Structures are given as structure tokens and as C-alpha cells.
């Protein structure tokens, strides 16, 4: 096949538009991929709304499960027909101080799939083979897609909370429903905080095994050791700080968040800590995808055809999804 199509944002605040385009030719370090499934992530909404740096026009999508159909001259780790995942970090420079220190997630000159390089809302795409990940055999294409961002970022955020036993998750969507499973597998107690009145999400959390589920406006039934914020709502930061006990950690896992309101120092005092998670590393990806089959993580998905991507984004924005939306070309 020499022709495919993609859905792109021509500019912020515009709907996705279908564009016909040729199947890419691989560069030296690249793979050309047939997209099998692509998860729909809240970051895609931030790209749609112009809330993060992106290059327009842009094809979004960075939870890509794909099959290799062409290989660049300097690619040695993948073969034709291999199933690979393409995550948010599309490449890093490898030479800046952060890359040199093993912190490629903080690279000064990164490339981000679906924001500064075309992503997986397409039938075909190209990707830097050095930043692609092997998909575990036990996961189907649709089931695996949310692991590539919701799972990866959730896993990195969970690692940042330390050894805390009681963990609060604010916003119970694609990322939280995955990290909750990992946390419980590790022997932790999970408390789910949803939009006030979202009985469906709370029931979903309890069905997965969460100790407690309630609205973000409710008081935690027990002091928390740590909290992870997946909802992009800055007003939740003071609430999470109030919920964690002395020495507790609050981790903001989103790439964008509304402004954090002023709050009294007493909420931070007592050696409470506030962190942010920035992107991911290839080591994060390999480690998480090795652990996921052991848990085993089970993703809950709603399938949309690629041509219905605007509907999938609208459902995500409205909070109408249980788990994650996945596009299938």
C-alpha cells in the first residue's frame, strides 16, 4: 500500500480533519508502521486546545500499537512484522545535560509523538526505532494501547510516591484505572477520588478493588501516605495536600493543569512534598511493560473507528468513558 490517511488538527480549537497522504519512507533510524490501534489520551485534548507546545498541522496520538512494514538502514532491533508501541517521547537529543545524566524525559530538545511529530491517529506513521517499545504478547492491540501513556505515566507517578501504603488517586480515568491495579498488586490500599457525583466512576473504582471511592470534595476516610493527581484541575492540589499525612507526597501526573490556587502553608508544612511528573524514559517503558503481564493489568476500553476520533475526544472531554477510548483504523 502506498496511500493511507490521517486525522489532523490544522490549528488549535479546530476539529480533526481527514487528510489523504502517502505511506512514509523510513529514515536511517526509523520504522514505518501500520497502525493497529491508538489510544485517546487527555494530552490529545491539550493539543486540541493549544494548551501545550505543538507543531500545527499535527496528527495526534501517542499510544500507538503497530506492525512494522518497513525498516531504516540503521535499525537492528526490529524486524518486518514485529508488533511495536510508540509512546509520547518520540526521541531525545542524547547530548544535553539531562540526557547525559540519564534523564531523557527532561531532554532540552525532545520530540513528542502526536505533538511535535505526527502520531497515531492514522493508518500509517513513521517512528524513531530507538524509542519504540515491544508490546507484550499477552495483550491484544486494543488492550495494549492505553499502556503506552496512561500506563507509563501512571507507573512513573506511582514510583515517585515512594513506599507509601495508602494511595489516593484523583481523577479515575484511563491512567488511574491502570495504576490502581499495579498499586494493589504491590500490596497498597487505593482510594479513588472522582468528580463529585460521578457514581459510575466510583462504582468502577470499587469494582477494581479500591478500598474507598468518593467525590474529590469528600474527606478521605483515612489519612493518605501519598496522592496522585491525574485530573488536570489545579484546585485539587490543596485538597490532596490536606488529605496526606505528615511526610506525605502529592504527585501531579498531568502534562498540563489549571492554575493552583493559593493555599495556607500549613497544608505543605510537616515535610509534605509536591512533585510533578514529566514525560517518561525508555527504561520506564521497558520496566512497566515487563510488570504489566505479571499483575496482570486489564485495561477497560471503548473502541471507536478512526473516522470517529472527534467523537472519542468529545466523550473523553465530557468524562463519559469508563477506562480508555481506543481508535482502530
C-alpha atoms as a PDB file:
ATOM      1  CA  UNK A   1       0.000   0.000   0.000  1.00  0.00           C
ATOM      2  CA  UNK A   2       1.375   3.428  -0.932  1.00  0.00           C
ATOM      3  CA  UNK A   3      -1.528   5.589   0.238  1.00  0.00           C
ATOM      4  CA  UNK A   4      -3.134   5.993   3.636  1.00  0.00           C
ATOM      5  CA  UNK A   5      -4.911   8.681   5.600  1.00  0.00           C
ATOM      6  CA  UNK A   6      -4.718  10.501   8.901  1.00  0.00           C
ATOM      7  CA  UNK A   7      -6.766  12.855  11.057  1.00  0.00           C
ATOM      8  CA  UNK A   8      -5.037  16.114  11.904  1.00  0.00           C
ATOM      9  CA  UNK A   9      -5.563  19.333  13.811  1.00  0.00           C
ATOM     10  CA  UNK A  10      -4.916  22.196  11.399  1.00  0.00           C
ATOM     11  CA  UNK A  11      -4.697  24.631  14.323  1.00  0.00           C
ATOM     12  CA  UNK A  12      -5.763  24.822  17.972  1.00  0.00           C
ATOM     13  CA  UNK A  13      -9.519  24.872  18.618  1.00  0.00           C
ATOM     14  CA  UNK A  14     -10.352  23.160  15.317  1.00  0.00           C
ATOM     15  CA  UNK A  15     -11.816  19.672  14.900  1.00  0.00           C
ATOM     16  CA  UNK A  16      -9.796  16.843  13.452  1.00  0.00           C
ATOM     17  CA  UNK A  17      -9.812  16.769   9.654  1.00  0.00           C
ATOM     18  CA  UNK A  18      -9.196  13.731   7.459  1.00  0.00           C
ATOM     19  CA  UNK A  19      -6.236  14.065   5.078  1.00  0.00           C
ATOM     20  CA  UNK A  20      -5.045  11.595   2.479  1.00  0.00           C
ATOM     21  CA  UNK A  21      -1.296  11.066   2.472  1.00  0.00           C
ATOM     22  CA  UNK A  22       1.386   8.742   1.205  1.00  0.00           C
ATOM     23  CA  UNK A  23       2.753   5.996   3.422  1.00  0.00           C
ATOM     24  CA  UNK A  24       6.098   7.321   4.772  1.00  0.00           C
ATOM     25  CA  UNK A  25       9.542   6.172   3.663  1.00  0.00           C
ATOM     26  CA  UNK A  26      11.799   5.284   6.618  1.00  0.00           C
ATOM     27  CA  UNK A  27      14.817   7.371   7.585  1.00  0.00           C
ATOM     28  CA  UNK A  28      18.019   5.699   8.763  1.00  0.00           C
ATOM     29  CA  UNK A  29      16.806   5.106  12.337  1.00  0.00           C
ATOM     30  CA  UNK A  30      13.109   4.855  11.568  1.00  0.00           C
ATOM     31  CA  UNK A  31      10.383   2.278  11.308  1.00  0.00           C
ATOM     32  CA  UNK A  32       7.377   2.666   9.048  1.00  0.00           C
ATOM     33  CA  UNK A  33       4.373   1.295  10.844  1.00  0.00           C
ATOM     34  CA  UNK A  34       0.869   0.128  10.069  1.00  0.00           C
ATOM     35  CA  UNK A  35      -1.261   1.420  12.950  1.00  0.00           C
ATOM     36  CA  UNK A  36      -3.319  -1.325  14.585  1.00  0.00           C
ATOM     37  CA  UNK A  37      -4.765   0.711  17.462  1.00  0.00           C
ATOM     38  CA  UNK A  38      -4.202   4.108  19.060  1.00  0.00           C
ATOM     39  CA  UNK A  39      -5.346   5.190  22.488  1.00  0.00           C
ATOM     40  CA  UNK A  40      -7.062   8.527  23.055  1.00  0.00           C
ATOM     41  CA  UNK A  41      -5.303  10.467  25.805  1.00  0.00           C
ATOM     42  CA  UNK A  42      -6.141  13.645  27.712  1.00  0.00           C
ATOM     43  CA  UNK A  43      -2.921  15.092  26.296  1.00  0.00           C
ATOM     44  CA  UNK A  44      -4.618  14.947  22.890  1.00  0.00           C
ATOM     45  CA  UNK A  45      -7.209  17.359  24.296  1.00  0.00           C
ATOM     46  CA  UNK A  46      -4.433  19.683  25.437  1.00  0.00           C
ATOM     47  CA  UNK A  47      -3.059  19.606  21.873  1.00  0.00           C
ATOM     48  CA  UNK A  48      -6.558  20.312  20.532  1.00  0.00           C
ATOM     49  CA  UNK A  49      -6.921  23.269  22.891  1.00  0.00           C
ATOM     50  CA  UNK A  50      -3.457  24.707  22.285  1.00  0.00           C
ATOM     51  CA  UNK A  51      -2.518  24.256  25.945  1.00  0.00           C
ATOM     52  CA  UNK A  52       0.863  22.643  25.270  1.00  0.00           C
ATOM     53  CA  UNK A  53       3.526  23.338  22.659  1.00  0.00           C
ATOM     54  CA  UNK A  54       2.673  21.561  19.409  1.00  0.00           C
ATOM     55  CA  UNK A  55       3.502  21.960  15.738  1.00  0.00           C
ATOM     56  CA  UNK A  56       0.373  22.503  13.643  1.00  0.00           C
ATOM     57  CA  UNK A  57      -0.910  20.963  11.498  1.00  0.00           C
ATOM     58  CA  UNK A  58      -0.360  17.866  13.613  1.00  0.00           C
ATOM     59  CA  UNK A  59      -1.640  14.303  13.676  1.00  0.00           C
ATOM     60  CA  UNK A  60      -2.196  13.488  17.387  1.00  0.00           C
ATOM     61  CA  UNK A  61      -1.937  10.126  19.093  1.00  0.00           C
ATOM     62  CA  UNK A  62       0.888   8.697  21.220  1.00  0.00           C
ATOM     63  CA  UNK A  63      -0.483   5.388  22.492  1.00  0.00           C
ATOM     64  CA  UNK A  64       0.201   3.542  19.270  1.00  0.00           C
ATOM     65  CA  UNK A  65       0.205  -0.209  18.765  1.00  0.00           C
ATOM     66  CA  UNK A  66       1.517  -1.012  15.312  1.00  0.00           C
ATOM     67  CA  UNK A  67       3.128  -3.507  12.960  1.00  0.00           C
ATOM     68  CA  UNK A  68       6.476  -2.874  11.246  1.00  0.00           C
ATOM     69  CA  UNK A  69       6.166  -2.699   7.456  1.00  0.00           C
ATOM     70  CA  UNK A  70       9.477  -1.008   6.511  1.00  0.00           C
ATOM     71  CA  UNK A  71      12.826  -0.559   8.256  1.00  0.00           C
ATOM     72  CA  UNK A  72      15.520   2.096   8.017  1.00  0.00           C
ATOM     73  CA  UNK A  73      19.092   1.219   7.111  1.00  0.00           C
ATOM     74  CA  UNK A  74      20.488   1.569  10.654  1.00  0.00           C
ATOM     75  CA  UNK A  75      17.708  -0.266  12.518  1.00  0.00           C
ATOM     76  CA  UNK A  76      18.829  -3.550  14.049  1.00  0.00           C
ATOM     77  CA  UNK A  77      16.421  -4.231  16.911  1.00  0.00           C
ATOM     78  CA  UNK A  78      13.182  -4.787  14.980  1.00  0.00           C
ATOM     79  CA  UNK A  79      12.130  -6.882  12.003  1.00  0.00           C
ATOM     80  CA  UNK A  80       9.294  -6.796   9.494  1.00  0.00           C
ATOM     81  CA  UNK A  81       6.017  -7.830  11.074  1.00  0.00           C
ATOM     82  CA  UNK A  82       7.108  -7.083  14.642  1.00  0.00           C
ATOM     83  CA  UNK A  83       4.481  -5.500  16.857  1.00  0.00           C
ATOM     84  CA  UNK A  84       5.752  -2.337  18.496  1.00  0.00           C
ATOM     85  CA  UNK A  85       4.447   0.508  20.613  1.00  0.00           C
ATOM     86  CA  UNK A  86       5.106   4.194  20.003  1.00  0.00           C
ATOM     87  CA  UNK A  87       4.924   6.308  23.189  1.00  0.00           C
ATOM     88  CA  UNK A  88       4.834  10.057  23.910  1.00  0.00           C
ATOM     89  CA  UNK A  89       8.625  10.518  23.922  1.00  0.00           C
ATOM     90  CA  UNK A  90       9.386  10.206  20.226  1.00  0.00           C
ATOM     91  CA  UNK A  91      13.098  10.940  20.591  1.00  0.00           C
ATOM     92  CA  UNK A  92      15.623  12.804  22.717  1.00  0.00           C
ATOM     93  CA  UNK A  93      18.824  14.556  21.707  1.00  0.00           C
ATOM     94  CA  UNK A  94      21.122  12.300  23.737  1.00  0.00           C
ATOM     95  CA  UNK A  95      23.667  15.078  24.350  1.00  0.00           C
ATOM     96  CA  UNK A  96      22.106  17.722  26.623  1.00  0.00           C
ATOM     97  CA  UNK A  97      22.933  17.662  30.359  1.00  0.00           C
ATOM     98  CA  UNK A  98      19.694  15.853  31.164  1.00  0.00           C
ATOM     99  CA  UNK A  99      20.190  13.112  28.590  1.00  0.00           C
ATOM    100  CA  UNK A 100      23.795  12.717  29.700  1.00  0.00           C
ATOM    101  CA  UNK A 101      22.574  12.235  33.275  1.00  0.00           C
ATOM    102  CA  UNK A 102      20.056   9.529  32.298  1.00  0.00           C
ATOM    103  CA  UNK A 103      17.091  11.917  32.459  1.00  0.00           C
ATOM    104  CA  UNK A 104      15.989  11.836  28.837  1.00  0.00           C
ATOM    105  CA  UNK A 105      12.445  12.627  29.986  1.00  0.00           C
ATOM    106  CA  UNK A 106      13.746  16.154  30.729  1.00  0.00           C
ATOM    107  CA  UNK A 107      15.654  16.491  27.421  1.00  0.00           C
ATOM    108  CA  UNK A 108      16.219  20.070  26.266  1.00  0.00           C
ATOM    109  CA  UNK A 109      15.440  19.135  22.660  1.00  0.00           C
ATOM    110  CA  UNK A 110      12.798  16.389  22.727  1.00  0.00           C
ATOM    111  CA  UNK A 111      10.392  15.216  20.047  1.00  0.00           C
ATOM    112  CA  UNK A 112       6.906  14.291  21.211  1.00  0.00           C
ATOM    113  CA  UNK A 113       4.718  11.871  19.282  1.00  0.00           C
ATOM    114  CA  UNK A 114       1.430  13.478  18.335  1.00  0.00           C
ATOM    115  CA  UNK A 115       2.549  16.993  19.300  1.00  0.00           C
ATOM    116  CA  UNK A 116       5.821  17.865  17.564  1.00  0.00           C
ATOM    117  CA  UNK A 117       5.849  14.790  15.308  1.00  0.00           C
ATOM    118  CA  UNK A 118       2.847  13.181  13.639  1.00  0.00           C
ATOM    119  CA  UNK A 119       1.302  10.442  15.714  1.00  0.00           C
ATOM    120  CA  UNK A 120      -1.073   7.520  15.521  1.00  0.00           C
ATOM    121  CA  UNK A 121      -4.458   8.949  14.503  1.00  0.00           C
ATOM    122  CA  UNK A 122      -3.602   7.479  11.111  1.00  0.00           C
ATOM    123  CA  UNK A 123      -3.416   4.299   9.097  1.00  0.00           C
ATOM    124  CA  UNK A 124       0.384   4.562   8.885  1.00  0.00           C
ATOM    125  CA  UNK A 125       3.177   6.512  10.556  1.00  0.00           C
ATOM    126  CA  UNK A 126       6.942   6.672  10.942  1.00  0.00           C
ATOM    127  CA  UNK A 127       8.731   6.490  14.306  1.00  0.00           C
ATOM    128  CA  UNK A 128      12.277   6.507  15.649  1.00  0.00           C
ATOM    129  CA  UNK A 129      13.031   2.832  16.259  1.00  0.00           C
ATOM    130  CA  UNK A 130      15.308   3.712  19.188  1.00  0.00           C
ATOM    131  CA  UNK A 131      12.302   4.958  21.155  1.00  0.00           C
ATOM    132  CA  UNK A 132       9.796   2.254  20.223  1.00  0.00           C
ATOM    133  CA  UNK A 133       8.802  -0.459  22.676  1.00  0.00           C
ATOM    134  CA  UNK A 134       7.951  -4.125  22.243  1.00  0.00           C
ATOM    135  CA  UNK A 135       4.348  -4.998  23.111  1.00  0.00           C
ATOM    136  CA  UNK A 136       3.994  -7.988  25.471  1.00  0.00           C
ATOM    137  CA  UNK A 137       2.477 -10.989  23.738  1.00  0.00           C
ATOM    138  CA  UNK A 138      -0.310 -11.398  26.287  1.00  0.00           C
ATOM    139  CA  UNK A 139      -2.023  -8.135  25.301  1.00  0.00           C
ATOM    140  CA  UNK A 140      -4.257  -7.606  22.289  1.00  0.00           C
ATOM    141  CA  UNK A 141      -3.794  -4.494  20.154  1.00  0.00           C
ATOM    142  CA  UNK A 142      -6.689  -2.544  21.681  1.00  0.00           C
ATOM    143  CA  UNK A 143      -5.935  -3.724  25.212  1.00  0.00           C
ATOM    144  CA  UNK A 144      -2.279  -2.681  24.907  1.00  0.00           C
ATOM    145  CA  UNK A 145      -2.823   0.846  23.573  1.00  0.00           C
ATOM    146  CA  UNK A 146      -3.605   2.582  26.912  1.00  0.00           C
ATOM    147  CA  UNK A 147      -0.496   1.052  28.465  1.00  0.00           C
ATOM    148  CA  UNK A 148       1.684   3.311  26.303  1.00  0.00           C
ATOM    149  CA  UNK A 149       0.852   6.567  28.071  1.00  0.00           C
ATOM    150  CA  UNK A 150      -1.868   6.117  30.669  1.00  0.00           C
ATOM    151  CA  UNK A 151       0.048   3.107  31.960  1.00  0.00           C
ATOM    152  CA  UNK A 152       3.538   4.531  31.584  1.00  0.00           C
ATOM    153  CA  UNK A 153       2.864   7.915  33.165  1.00  0.00           C
ATOM    154  CA  UNK A 154       0.843   6.278  35.927  1.00  0.00           C
ATOM    155  CA  UNK A 155       3.683   3.893  36.633  1.00  0.00           C
ATOM    156  CA  UNK A 156       6.260   6.695  36.777  1.00  0.00           C
ATOM    157  CA  UNK A 157       3.975   8.666  39.103  1.00  0.00           C
ATOM    158  CA  UNK A 158       3.487   5.629  41.342  1.00  0.00           C
ATOM    159  CA  UNK A 159       7.253   5.186  41.613  1.00  0.00           C
ATOM    160  CA  UNK A 160       7.521   8.799  42.797  1.00  0.00           C
ATOM    161  CA  UNK A 161       5.214   8.288  45.781  1.00  0.00           C
ATOM    162  CA  UNK A 162       7.806   6.090  47.463  1.00  0.00           C
ATOM    163  CA  UNK A 163       6.839   3.354  49.885  1.00  0.00           C
ATOM    164  CA  UNK A 164       3.509   4.835  50.967  1.00  0.00           C
ATOM    165  CA  UNK A 165       0.846   2.215  51.647  1.00  0.00           C
ATOM    166  CA  UNK A 166      -2.353   4.287  51.375  1.00  0.00           C
ATOM    167  CA  UNK A 167      -2.560   5.990  47.993  1.00  0.00           C
ATOM    168  CA  UNK A 168      -5.227   8.421  46.794  1.00  0.00           C
ATOM    169  CA  UNK A 169      -5.934   8.763  43.062  1.00  0.00           C
ATOM    170  CA  UNK A 170      -7.638  11.990  41.988  1.00  0.00           C
ATOM    171  CA  UNK A 171      -9.408  11.536  38.656  1.00  0.00           C
ATOM    172  CA  UNK A 172     -10.345   7.937  37.899  1.00  0.00           C
ATOM    173  CA  UNK A 173      -9.938   7.566  34.151  1.00  0.00           C
ATOM    174  CA  UNK A 174      -7.552   5.743  31.830  1.00  0.00           C
ATOM    175  CA  UNK A 175      -4.368   6.241  33.851  1.00  0.00           C
ATOM    176  CA  UNK A 176      -5.876   5.750  37.300  1.00  0.00           C
ATOM    177  CA  UNK A 177      -7.642   2.510  36.448  1.00  0.00           C
ATOM    178  CA  UNK A 178      -4.298   1.046  35.330  1.00  0.00           C
ATOM    179  CA  UNK A 179      -2.117   2.357  38.153  1.00  0.00           C
ATOM    180  CA  UNK A 180      -4.713   1.245  40.712  1.00  0.00           C
ATOM    181  CA  UNK A 181      -4.201  -2.335  39.576  1.00  0.00           C
ATOM    182  CA  UNK A 182      -0.427  -2.030  39.837  1.00  0.00           C
ATOM    183  CA  UNK A 183      -0.613  -0.399  43.272  1.00  0.00           C
ATOM    184  CA  UNK A 184      -2.889  -3.111  44.622  1.00  0.00           C
ATOM    185  CA  UNK A 185      -0.598  -5.783  43.151  1.00  0.00           C
ATOM    186  CA  UNK A 186       2.189  -4.128  45.153  1.00  0.00           C
ATOM    187  CA  UNK A 187       0.120  -4.510  48.312  1.00  0.00           C
ATOM    188  CA  UNK A 188      -1.074  -0.908  48.665  1.00  0.00           C
ATOM    189  CA  UNK A 189      -4.522   0.414  49.571  1.00  0.00           C
ATOM    190  CA  UNK A 190      -6.072   2.621  46.892  1.00  0.00           C
ATOM    191  CA  UNK A 191      -8.609   5.398  47.498  1.00  0.00           C
ATOM    192  CA  UNK A 192     -10.336   6.820  44.409  1.00  0.00           C
ATOM    193  CA  UNK A 193     -11.481  10.438  44.168  1.00  0.00           C
ATOM    194  CA  UNK A 194     -13.746  11.254  41.206  1.00  0.00           C
ATOM    195  CA  UNK A 195     -15.764  14.210  40.008  1.00  0.00           C
ATOM    196  CA  UNK A 196     -18.386  14.912  42.670  1.00  0.00           C
ATOM    197  CA  UNK A 197     -21.491  12.879  41.964  1.00  0.00           C
ATOM    198  CA  UNK A 198     -19.849  10.562  39.425  1.00  0.00           C
ATOM    199  CA  UNK A 199     -21.426   7.389  40.798  1.00  0.00           C
ATOM    200  CA  UNK A 200     -20.461   5.370  37.721  1.00  0.00           C
ATOM    201  CA  UNK A 201     -16.728   6.097  38.077  1.00  0.00           C
ATOM    202  CA  UNK A 202     -16.893   5.392  41.810  1.00  0.00           C
ATOM    203  CA  UNK A 203     -18.577   2.037  41.213  1.00  0.00           C
ATOM    204  CA  UNK A 204     -15.925   1.253  38.581  1.00  0.00           C
ATOM    205  CA  UNK A 205     -13.163   2.015  41.087  1.00  0.00           C
ATOM    206  CA  UNK A 206     -14.707  -0.175  43.754  1.00  0.00           C
ATOM    207  CA  UNK A 207     -15.180  -2.995  41.236  1.00  0.00           C
ATOM    208  CA  UNK A 208     -11.447  -2.887  40.523  1.00  0.00           C
ATOM    209  CA  UNK A 209     -10.718  -3.318  44.222  1.00  0.00           C
ATOM    210  CA  UNK A 210     -10.250   0.205  45.560  1.00  0.00           C
ATOM    211  CA  UNK A 211     -10.722   0.412  49.343  1.00  0.00           C
ATOM    212  CA  UNK A 212     -12.910   3.510  49.009  1.00  0.00           C
ATOM    213  CA  UNK A 213     -14.327   5.709  46.247  1.00  0.00           C
ATOM    214  CA  UNK A 214     -15.979   9.095  46.544  1.00  0.00           C
ATOM    215  CA  UNK A 215     -16.046  12.626  45.208  1.00  0.00           C
ATOM    216  CA  UNK A 216     -12.984  14.858  45.218  1.00  0.00           C
ATOM    217  CA  UNK A 217     -14.923  17.173  47.529  1.00  0.00           C
ATOM    218  CA  UNK A 218     -15.158  14.443  50.188  1.00  0.00           C
ATOM    219  CA  UNK A 219     -12.744  13.869  53.051  1.00  0.00           C
ATOM    220  CA  UNK A 220     -10.623  10.734  52.817  1.00  0.00           C
ATOM    221  CA  UNK A 221     -11.797   8.162  55.375  1.00  0.00           C
ATOM    222  CA  UNK A 222      -8.157   7.673  56.426  1.00  0.00           C
ATOM    223  CA  UNK A 223      -5.069   9.891  56.182  1.00  0.00           C
ATOM    224  CA  UNK A 224      -3.175   9.102  52.988  1.00  0.00           C
ATOM    225  CA  UNK A 225       0.538   8.437  52.618  1.00  0.00           C
ATOM    226  CA  UNK A 226       0.502   9.850  49.092  1.00  0.00           C
ATOM    227  CA  UNK A 227      -1.790  11.127  46.376  1.00  0.00           C
ATOM    228  CA  UNK A 228      -1.505  11.169  42.584  1.00  0.00           C
ATOM    229  CA  UNK A 229      -3.438  13.768  40.605  1.00  0.00           C
ATOM    230  CA  UNK A 230      -4.490  12.681  37.117  1.00  0.00           C
ATOM    231  CA  UNK A 231      -7.249  15.267  36.779  1.00  0.00           C
ATOM    232  CA  UNK A 232      -5.916  18.495  35.248  1.00  0.00           C
ATOM    233  CA  UNK A 233      -7.519  20.620  37.953  1.00  0.00           C
ATOM    234  CA  UNK A 234      -5.189  22.813  39.989  1.00  0.00           C
ATOM    235  CA  UNK A 235      -7.776  23.262  42.726  1.00  0.00           C
ATOM    236  CA  UNK A 236      -7.263  19.604  43.660  1.00  0.00           C
ATOM    237  CA  UNK A 237      -3.688  20.248  44.831  1.00  0.00           C
ATOM    238  CA  UNK A 238      -4.654  21.855  48.161  1.00  0.00           C
ATOM    239  CA  UNK A 239      -7.282  19.150  48.702  1.00  0.00           C
ATOM    240  CA  UNK A 240      -4.709  16.412  48.123  1.00  0.00           C
ATOM    241  CA  UNK A 241      -2.200  18.104  50.441  1.00  0.00           C
ATOM    242  CA  UNK A 242      -4.884  18.238  53.118  1.00  0.00           C
ATOM    243  CA  UNK A 243      -5.574  14.520  52.624  1.00  0.00           C
ATOM    244  CA  UNK A 244      -1.984  13.305  53.038  1.00  0.00           C
ATOM    245  CA  UNK A 245      -0.437  12.944  56.470  1.00  0.00           C
ATOM    246  CA  UNK A 246       2.880  14.471  57.583  1.00  0.00           C
ATOM    247  CA  UNK A 247       5.722  13.337  55.369  1.00  0.00           C
ATOM    248  CA  UNK A 248       3.249  12.531  52.585  1.00  0.00           C
ATOM    249  CA  UNK A 249       3.724  13.161  48.880  1.00  0.00           C
ATOM    250  CA  UNK A 250       1.439  14.659  46.255  1.00  0.00           C
ATOM    251  CA  UNK A 251       2.348  13.886  42.640  1.00  0.00           C
ATOM    252  CA  UNK A 252       0.860  15.841  39.727  1.00  0.00           C
ATOM    253  CA  UNK A 253       0.875  13.417  36.810  1.00  0.00           C
ATOM    254  CA  UNK A 254      -0.569  15.560  34.023  1.00  0.00           C
ATOM    255  CA  UNK A 255       1.331  17.497  31.366  1.00  0.00           C
ATOM    256  CA  UNK A 256      -0.953  20.498  31.857  1.00  0.00           C
ATOM    257  CA  UNK A 257      -3.032  21.721  34.781  1.00  0.00           C
ATOM    258  CA  UNK A 258      -5.205  24.719  35.526  1.00  0.00           C
ATOM    259  CA  UNK A 259      -3.722  27.235  37.959  1.00  0.00           C
ATOM    260  CA  UNK A 260      -3.158  26.076  41.511  1.00  0.00           C
ATOM    261  CA  UNK A 261      -4.969  28.410  43.903  1.00  0.00           C
ATOM    262  CA  UNK A 262      -3.252  29.983  46.893  1.00  0.00           C
ATOM    263  CA  UNK A 263      -3.317  27.786  49.972  1.00  0.00           C
ATOM    264  CA  UNK A 264      -2.100  28.111  53.577  1.00  0.00           C
ATOM    265  CA  UNK A 265       1.431  26.995  54.302  1.00  0.00           C
ATOM    266  CA  UNK A 266       0.079  24.630  56.955  1.00  0.00           C
ATOM    267  CA  UNK A 267      -1.057  22.292  54.152  1.00  0.00           C
ATOM    268  CA  UNK A 268       2.543  21.894  52.968  1.00  0.00           C
ATOM    269  CA  UNK A 269       4.243  22.035  56.362  1.00  0.00           C
ATOM    270  CA  UNK A 270       5.079  18.788  58.119  1.00  0.00           C
ATOM    271  CA  UNK A 271       7.521  17.759  55.375  1.00  0.00           C
ATOM    272  CA  UNK A 272       4.809  17.152  52.854  1.00  0.00           C
ATOM    273  CA  UNK A 273       6.168  17.241  49.296  1.00  0.00           C
ATOM    274  CA  UNK A 274       4.691  18.296  45.961  1.00  0.00           C
ATOM    275  CA  UNK A 275       6.078  16.771  42.743  1.00  0.00           C
ATOM    276  CA  UNK A 276       5.345  16.821  39.032  1.00  0.00           C
ATOM    277  CA  UNK A 277       5.908  14.022  36.529  1.00  0.00           C
ATOM    278  CA  UNK A 278       7.449  14.999  33.211  1.00  0.00           C
ATOM    279  CA  UNK A 279       7.176  12.592  30.293  1.00  0.00           C
ATOM    280  CA  UNK A 280       8.897   9.212  30.589  1.00  0.00           C
ATOM    281  CA  UNK A 281      12.081   7.367  29.761  1.00  0.00           C
ATOM    282  CA  UNK A 282      12.641   4.273  27.666  1.00  0.00           C
ATOM    283  CA  UNK A 283      13.652   2.491  30.876  1.00  0.00           C
ATOM    284  CA  UNK A 284      10.235   3.347  32.346  1.00  0.00           C
ATOM    285  CA  UNK A 285       8.604   1.811  29.295  1.00  0.00           C
ATOM    286  CA  UNK A 286      10.571  -1.408  29.352  1.00  0.00           C
ATOM    287  CA  UNK A 287      10.122  -1.854  33.108  1.00  0.00           C
ATOM    288  CA  UNK A 288       6.383  -1.211  33.088  1.00  0.00           C
ATOM    289  CA  UNK A 289       5.711  -3.450  30.084  1.00  0.00           C
ATOM    290  CA  UNK A 290       7.586  -6.237  31.861  1.00  0.00           C
ATOM    291  CA  UNK A 291       5.490  -5.812  35.008  1.00  0.00           C
ATOM    292  CA  UNK A 292       2.087  -5.342  33.315  1.00  0.00           C
ATOM    293  CA  UNK A 293       1.653  -9.041  32.360  1.00  0.00           C
ATOM    294  CA  UNK A 294       2.622 -10.097  35.887  1.00  0.00           C
ATOM    295  CA  UNK A 295      -0.118  -8.048  37.580  1.00  0.00           C
ATOM    296  CA  UNK A 296      -1.832  -8.744  35.144  1.00  0.00           C
ATOM    297  CA  UNK A 297      -3.124  -5.320  34.107  1.00  0.00           C
ATOM    298  CA  UNK A 298      -6.530  -5.429  32.435  1.00  0.00           C
ATOM    299  CA  UNK A 299      -7.441  -2.289  30.549  1.00  0.00           C
ATOM    300  CA  UNK A 300     -11.071  -1.289  30.103  1.00  0.00           C
ATOM    301  CA  UNK A 301     -11.623   0.214  26.665  1.00  0.00           C
ATOM    302  CA  UNK A 302     -14.253   1.651  24.359  1.00  0.00           C
ATOM    303  CA  UNK A 303     -13.465   1.184  20.669  1.00  0.00           C
ATOM    304  CA  UNK A 304     -14.031   3.907  18.086  1.00  0.00           C
ATOM    305  CA  UNK A 305     -13.229   3.697  14.390  1.00  0.00           C
ATOM    306  CA  UNK A 306     -10.512   6.139  13.331  1.00  0.00           C
ATOM    307  CA  UNK A 307     -13.055   8.284  11.474  1.00  0.00           C
ATOM    308  CA  UNK A 308     -14.913   8.786  14.781  1.00  0.00           C
ATOM    309  CA  UNK A 309     -11.921  10.292  16.571  1.00  0.00           C
ATOM    310  CA  UNK A 310     -13.712  13.608  17.134  1.00  0.00           C
ATOM    311  CA  UNK A 311     -16.476  11.680  18.930  1.00  0.00           C
ATOM    312  CA  UNK A 312     -13.912   9.875  21.064  1.00  0.00           C
ATOM    313  CA  UNK A 313     -12.303  13.172  22.093  1.00  0.00           C
ATOM    314  CA  UNK A 314     -15.713  14.625  22.940  1.00  0.00           C
ATOM    315  CA  UNK A 315     -16.516  11.615  25.118  1.00  0.00           C
ATOM    316  CA  UNK A 316     -13.188  11.985  26.918  1.00  0.00           C
ATOM    317  CA  UNK A 317     -13.776  15.696  27.483  1.00  0.00           C
ATOM    318  CA  UNK A 318     -17.231  15.004  28.907  1.00  0.00           C
ATOM    319  CA  UNK A 319     -15.980  12.318  31.275  1.00  0.00           C
ATOM    320  CA  UNK A 320     -18.271   9.812  29.593  1.00  0.00           C
ATOM    321  CA  UNK A 321     -15.737   6.990  29.300  1.00  0.00           C
ATOM    322  CA  UNK A 322     -15.087   4.088  31.638  1.00  0.00           C
ATOM    323  CA  UNK A 323     -11.392   3.396  31.270  1.00  0.00           C
ATOM    324  CA  UNK A 324      -9.920   4.459  27.920  1.00  0.00           C
ATOM    325  CA  UNK A 325     -11.032   5.143  24.345  1.00  0.00           C
ATOM    326  CA  UNK A 326      -9.080   3.417  21.581  1.00  0.00           C
ATOM    327  CA  UNK A 327      -9.156   4.177  17.864  1.00  0.00           C
ATOM    328  CA  UNK A 328      -8.919   1.345  15.347  1.00  0.00           C
ATOM    329  CA  UNK A 329      -8.221   2.259  11.680  1.00  0.00           C
END
